[in-house]
C-alpha atoms as a PDB file:
ATOM      1  CA  UNK A   1      -3.408 -20.123 -29.678  1.00  0.00           C
ATOM      2  CA  UNK A   2      -3.064 -17.156 -27.327  1.00  0.00           C
ATOM      3  CA  UNK A   3      -1.638 -13.962 -28.758  1.00  0.00           C
ATOM      4  CA  UNK A   4      -0.321 -12.946 -25.334  1.00  0.00           C
ATOM      5  CA  UNK A   5       0.341 -15.198 -22.368  1.00  0.00           C
ATOM      6  CA  UNK A   6       0.380 -13.598 -18.933  1.00  0.00           C
ATOM      7  CA  UNK A   7       3.487 -14.250 -16.881  1.00  0.00           C
ATOM      8  CA  UNK A   8       4.810 -12.976 -13.561  1.00  0.00           C
ATOM      9  CA  UNK A   9       7.266 -10.641 -15.325  1.00  0.00           C
ATOM     10  CA  UNK A  10       4.223  -8.620 -16.410  1.00  0.00           C
ATOM     11  CA  UNK A  11       3.108  -7.963 -12.843  1.00  0.00           C
ATOM     12  CA  UNK A  12       3.004  -4.355 -11.658  1.00  0.00           C
ATOM     13  CA  UNK A  13       2.843  -5.540  -8.036  1.00  0.00           C
ATOM     14  CA  UNK A  14      -0.766  -4.474  -7.593  1.00  0.00           C
ATOM     15  CA  UNK A  15      -3.407  -7.200  -7.557  1.00  0.00           C
ATOM     16  CA  UNK A  16      -6.172  -5.000  -8.990  1.00  0.00           C
ATOM     17  CA  UNK A  17      -4.074  -3.679 -11.874  1.00  0.00           C
ATOM     18  CA  UNK A  18      -2.615  -7.120 -12.562  1.00  0.00           C
ATOM     19  CA  UNK A  19      -6.128  -8.613 -12.796  1.00  0.00           C
ATOM     20  CA  UNK A  20      -7.146  -5.796 -15.127  1.00  0.00           C
ATOM     21  CA  UNK A  21      -4.108  -6.419 -17.316  1.00  0.00           C
ATOM     22  CA  UNK A  22      -4.979 -10.125 -17.377  1.00  0.00           C
ATOM     23  CA  UNK A  23      -8.543  -9.288 -18.429  1.00  0.00           C
ATOM     24  CA  UNK A  24      -7.288  -7.036 -21.242  1.00  0.00           C
ATOM     25  CA  UNK A  25      -4.982  -9.818 -22.404  1.00  0.00           C
ATOM     26  CA  UNK A  26      -7.894 -12.270 -22.337  1.00  0.00           C
ATOM     27  CA  UNK A  27      -9.984  -9.890 -24.470  1.00  0.00           C
ATOM     28  CA  UNK A  28      -7.221  -9.495 -27.045  1.00  0.00           C
ATOM     29  CA  UNK A  29      -6.853 -13.273 -27.115  1.00  0.00           C
ATOM     30  CA  UNK A  30     -10.653 -13.600 -27.562  1.00  0.00           C
ATOM     31  CA  UNK A  31     -10.523 -11.152 -30.441  1.00  0.00           C
ATOM     32  CA  UNK A  32      -7.695 -13.086 -32.076  1.00  0.00           C
ATOM     33  CA  UNK A  33      -9.514 -16.374 -31.624  1.00  0.00           C
ATOM     34  CA  UNK A  34     -12.721 -14.948 -33.111  1.00  0.00           C
ATOM     35  CA  UNK A  35     -10.769 -13.699 -36.127  1.00  0.00           C
ATOM     36  CA  UNK A  36      -9.010 -17.036 -36.513  1.00  0.00           C
ATOM     37  CA  UNK A  37     -12.382 -18.803 -36.484  1.00  0.00           C
ATOM     38  CA  UNK A  38     -13.752 -16.440 -39.119  1.00  0.00           C
ATOM     39  CA  UNK A  39     -16.442 -15.010 -36.853  1.00  0.00           C
ATOM     40  CA  UNK A  40     -18.689 -12.346 -38.294  1.00  0.00           C
ATOM     41  CA  UNK A  41     -18.168  -8.620 -38.076  1.00  0.00           C
ATOM     42  CA  UNK A  42     -20.880  -8.261 -35.415  1.00  0.00           C
ATOM     43  CA  UNK A  43     -19.061 -10.572 -33.012  1.00  0.00           C
ATOM     44  CA  UNK A  44     -15.686  -8.944 -33.724  1.00  0.00           C
ATOM     45  CA  UNK A  45     -17.205  -5.505 -33.229  1.00  0.00           C
ATOM     46  CA  UNK A  46     -18.755  -6.576 -29.911  1.00  0.00           C
ATOM     47  CA  UNK A  47     -15.455  -7.944 -28.572  1.00  0.00           C
ATOM     48  CA  UNK A  48     -13.619  -4.864 -29.830  1.00  0.00           C
ATOM     49  CA  UNK A  49     -16.136  -2.567 -28.099  1.00  0.00           C
ATOM     50  CA  UNK A  50     -15.788  -4.499 -24.832  1.00  0.00           C
ATOM     51  CA  UNK A  51     -12.022  -4.220 -25.130  1.00  0.00           C
ATOM     52  CA  UNK A  52     -12.202  -0.454 -25.723  1.00  0.00           C
ATOM     53  CA  UNK A  53     -14.563   0.101 -22.783  1.00  0.00           C
ATOM     54  CA  UNK A  54     -12.537  -2.062 -20.442  1.00  0.00           C
ATOM     55  CA  UNK A  55      -9.350  -0.261 -21.507  1.00  0.00           C
ATOM     56  CA  UNK A  56     -10.922   3.056 -20.513  1.00  0.00           C
ATOM     57  CA  UNK A  57     -11.876   1.715 -17.078  1.00  0.00           C
ATOM     58  CA  UNK A  58      -8.443   0.207 -16.588  1.00  0.00           C
ATOM     59  CA  UNK A  59      -6.677   3.414 -17.618  1.00  0.00           C
ATOM     60  CA  UNK A  60      -8.729   5.399 -15.100  1.00  0.00           C
ATOM     61  CA  UNK A  61      -7.776   2.937 -12.347  1.00  0.00           C
ATOM     62  CA  UNK A  62      -4.118   2.981 -13.283  1.00  0.00           C
ATOM     63  CA  UNK A  63      -4.023   6.775 -13.535  1.00  0.00           C
ATOM     64  CA  UNK A  64      -5.584   7.159 -10.074  1.00  0.00           C
ATOM     65  CA  UNK A  65      -3.037   4.719  -8.716  1.00  0.00           C
ATOM     66  CA  UNK A  66      -0.016   6.517 -10.145  1.00  0.00           C
ATOM     67  CA  UNK A  67      -1.376   9.937  -9.123  1.00  0.00           C
ATOM     68  CA  UNK A  68      -1.999   8.758  -5.571  1.00  0.00           C
ATOM     69  CA  UNK A  69       1.590   7.555  -5.358  1.00  0.00           C
ATOM     70  CA  UNK A  70       2.895  10.778  -6.947  1.00  0.00           C
ATOM     71  CA  UNK A  71       4.568   9.192  -9.928  1.00  0.00           C
ATOM     72  CA  UNK A  72       6.481  12.019 -11.672  1.00  0.00           C
ATOM     73  CA  UNK A  73       5.697  10.672 -15.165  1.00  0.00           C
ATOM     74  CA  UNK A  74       1.944  10.507 -14.516  1.00  0.00           C
ATOM     75  CA  UNK A  75       1.071  13.097 -17.169  1.00  0.00           C
ATOM     76  CA  UNK A  76       3.150  11.306 -19.789  1.00  0.00           C
ATOM     77  CA  UNK A  77       1.525   8.004 -18.831  1.00  0.00           C
ATOM     78  CA  UNK A  78      -1.930   9.569 -19.220  1.00  0.00           C
ATOM     79  CA  UNK A  79      -0.971  10.889 -22.646  1.00  0.00           C
ATOM     80  CA  UNK A  80       0.144   7.420 -23.750  1.00  0.00           C
ATOM     81  CA  UNK A  81      -3.260   6.103 -22.673  1.00  0.00           C
ATOM     82  CA  UNK A  82      -5.066   8.927 -24.484  1.00  0.00           C
ATOM     83  CA  UNK A  83      -3.097   8.249 -27.677  1.00  0.00           C
ATOM     84  CA  UNK A  84      -4.061   4.578 -27.532  1.00  0.00           C
ATOM     85  CA  UNK A  85      -7.748   5.405 -27.077  1.00  0.00           C
ATOM     86  CA  UNK A  86      -7.599   7.842 -30.009  1.00  0.00           C
ATOM     87  CA  UNK A  87      -6.013   5.214 -32.257  1.00  0.00           C
ATOM     88  CA  UNK A  88      -8.439   2.462 -31.229  1.00  0.00           C
ATOM     89  CA  UNK A  89     -11.400   4.818 -31.651  1.00  0.00           C
ATOM     90  CA  UNK A  90     -10.212   5.515 -35.206  1.00  0.00           C
ATOM     91  CA  UNK A  91     -10.051   1.766 -35.882  1.00  0.00           C
ATOM     92  CA  UNK A  92     -13.577   1.303 -34.528  1.00  0.00           C
ATOM     93  CA  UNK A  93     -14.951   4.201 -36.564  1.00  0.00           C
ATOM     94  CA  UNK A  94     -13.452   2.761 -39.744  1.00  0.00           C
ATOM     95  CA  UNK A  95     -14.944  -0.616 -38.985  1.00  0.00           C
ATOM     96  CA  UNK A  96     -18.387   0.852 -38.318  1.00  0.00           C
ATOM     97  CA  UNK A  97     -18.552   3.596 -40.936  1.00  0.00           C
ATOM     98  CA  UNK A  98     -16.715   2.112 -43.851  1.00  0.00           C
ATOM     99  CA  UNK A  99     -17.873  -1.450 -43.441  1.00  0.00           C
ATOM    100  CA  UNK A 100     -14.210  -2.391 -43.481  1.00  0.00           C
ATOM    101  CA  UNK A 101     -13.102  -5.910 -42.640  1.00  0.00           C
ATOM    102  CA  UNK A 102     -11.448  -6.276 -39.263  1.00  0.00           C
ATOM    103  CA  UNK A 103      -7.753  -6.299 -40.050  1.00  0.00           C
ATOM    104  CA  UNK A 104      -5.039  -8.506 -38.619  1.00  0.00           C
ATOM    105  CA  UNK A 105      -2.980  -5.290 -38.490  1.00  0.00           C
ATOM    106  CA  UNK A 106      -5.424  -3.837 -35.951  1.00  0.00           C
ATOM    107  CA  UNK A 107      -5.172  -6.953 -33.820  1.00  0.00           C
ATOM    108  CA  UNK A 108      -1.374  -6.926 -34.032  1.00  0.00           C
ATOM    109  CA  UNK A 109      -1.291  -3.244 -33.092  1.00  0.00           C
ATOM    110  CA  UNK A 110      -3.422  -3.897 -30.014  1.00  0.00           C
ATOM    111  CA  UNK A 111      -1.458  -6.989 -28.997  1.00  0.00           C
ATOM    112  CA  UNK A 112       1.902  -5.259 -29.412  1.00  0.00           C
ATOM    113  CA  UNK A 113       0.748  -2.048 -27.775  1.00  0.00           C
ATOM    114  CA  UNK A 114      -0.620  -3.784 -24.687  1.00  0.00           C
ATOM    115  CA  UNK A 115       2.362  -6.076 -24.251  1.00  0.00           C
ATOM    116  CA  UNK A 116       4.882  -3.267 -24.743  1.00  0.00           C
ATOM    117  CA  UNK A 117       2.879  -0.889 -22.566  1.00  0.00           C
ATOM    118  CA  UNK A 118       2.830  -3.324 -19.658  1.00  0.00           C
ATOM    119  CA  UNK A 119       6.433  -4.447 -20.069  1.00  0.00           C
ATOM    120  CA  UNK A 120       7.938  -0.993 -20.632  1.00  0.00           C
ATOM    121  CA  UNK A 121       5.725   1.936 -19.656  1.00  0.00           C
ATOM    122  CA  UNK A 122       3.987   0.303 -16.694  1.00  0.00           C
ATOM    123  CA  UNK A 123       7.182  -1.356 -15.497  1.00  0.00           C
ATOM    124  CA  UNK A 124       8.713   2.137 -15.221  1.00  0.00           C
ATOM    125  CA  UNK A 125       6.313   3.101 -12.464  1.00  0.00           C
ATOM    126  CA  UNK A 126       6.939  -0.244 -10.767  1.00  0.00           C
ATOM    127  CA  UNK A 127      10.680   0.526 -10.692  1.00  0.00           C
ATOM    128  CA  UNK A 128       9.997   4.067  -9.469  1.00  0.00           C
ATOM    129  CA  UNK A 129       7.823   2.864  -6.579  1.00  0.00           C
ATOM    130  CA  UNK A 130      10.254   0.101  -5.673  1.00  0.00           C
ATOM    131  CA  UNK A 131      13.183   2.531  -5.607  1.00  0.00           C
ATOM    132  CA  UNK A 132      11.165   5.049  -3.601  1.00  0.00           C
ATOM    133  CA  UNK A 133      10.207   2.450  -0.993  1.00  0.00           C
ATOM    134  CA  UNK A 134      13.749   1.140  -0.762  1.00  0.00           C
ATOM    135  CA  UNK A 135      15.013   4.714  -0.491  1.00  0.00           C
ATOM    136  CA  UNK A 136      12.573   5.415   2.355  1.00  0.00           C
ATOM    137  CA  UNK A 137      13.868   2.402   4.277  1.00  0.00           C
ATOM    138  CA  UNK A 138      17.538   3.466   4.099  1.00  0.00           C
END
């Protein structure tokens, strides 16, 4: 069962960013499925690493996009991304260094963070750009 299902309400009206969001969702769903199936730590760690690396690439793309369009909350948005990477890096370090079992809490954090980030934080720049374009037309 998918932890997150993509729907059109999640769209940020940019095909590249939407595809990246869909890929991140797929990775979180893969991680959840691997946990549900009792996969070993090596497989969970590999999926988690892919998810971290892809998140970094996505954040760079998104940050370039919002900078190019002069989004006034760009610095805040970057900080939110940086905080996520810090938190996920801490999770990964614990998993690697302390031989800790991959926790459902980590998965829930990532699922909730991504969903809320897309639906709230990212949707703010969508509204900003939409209002700016509509304001330019008037």
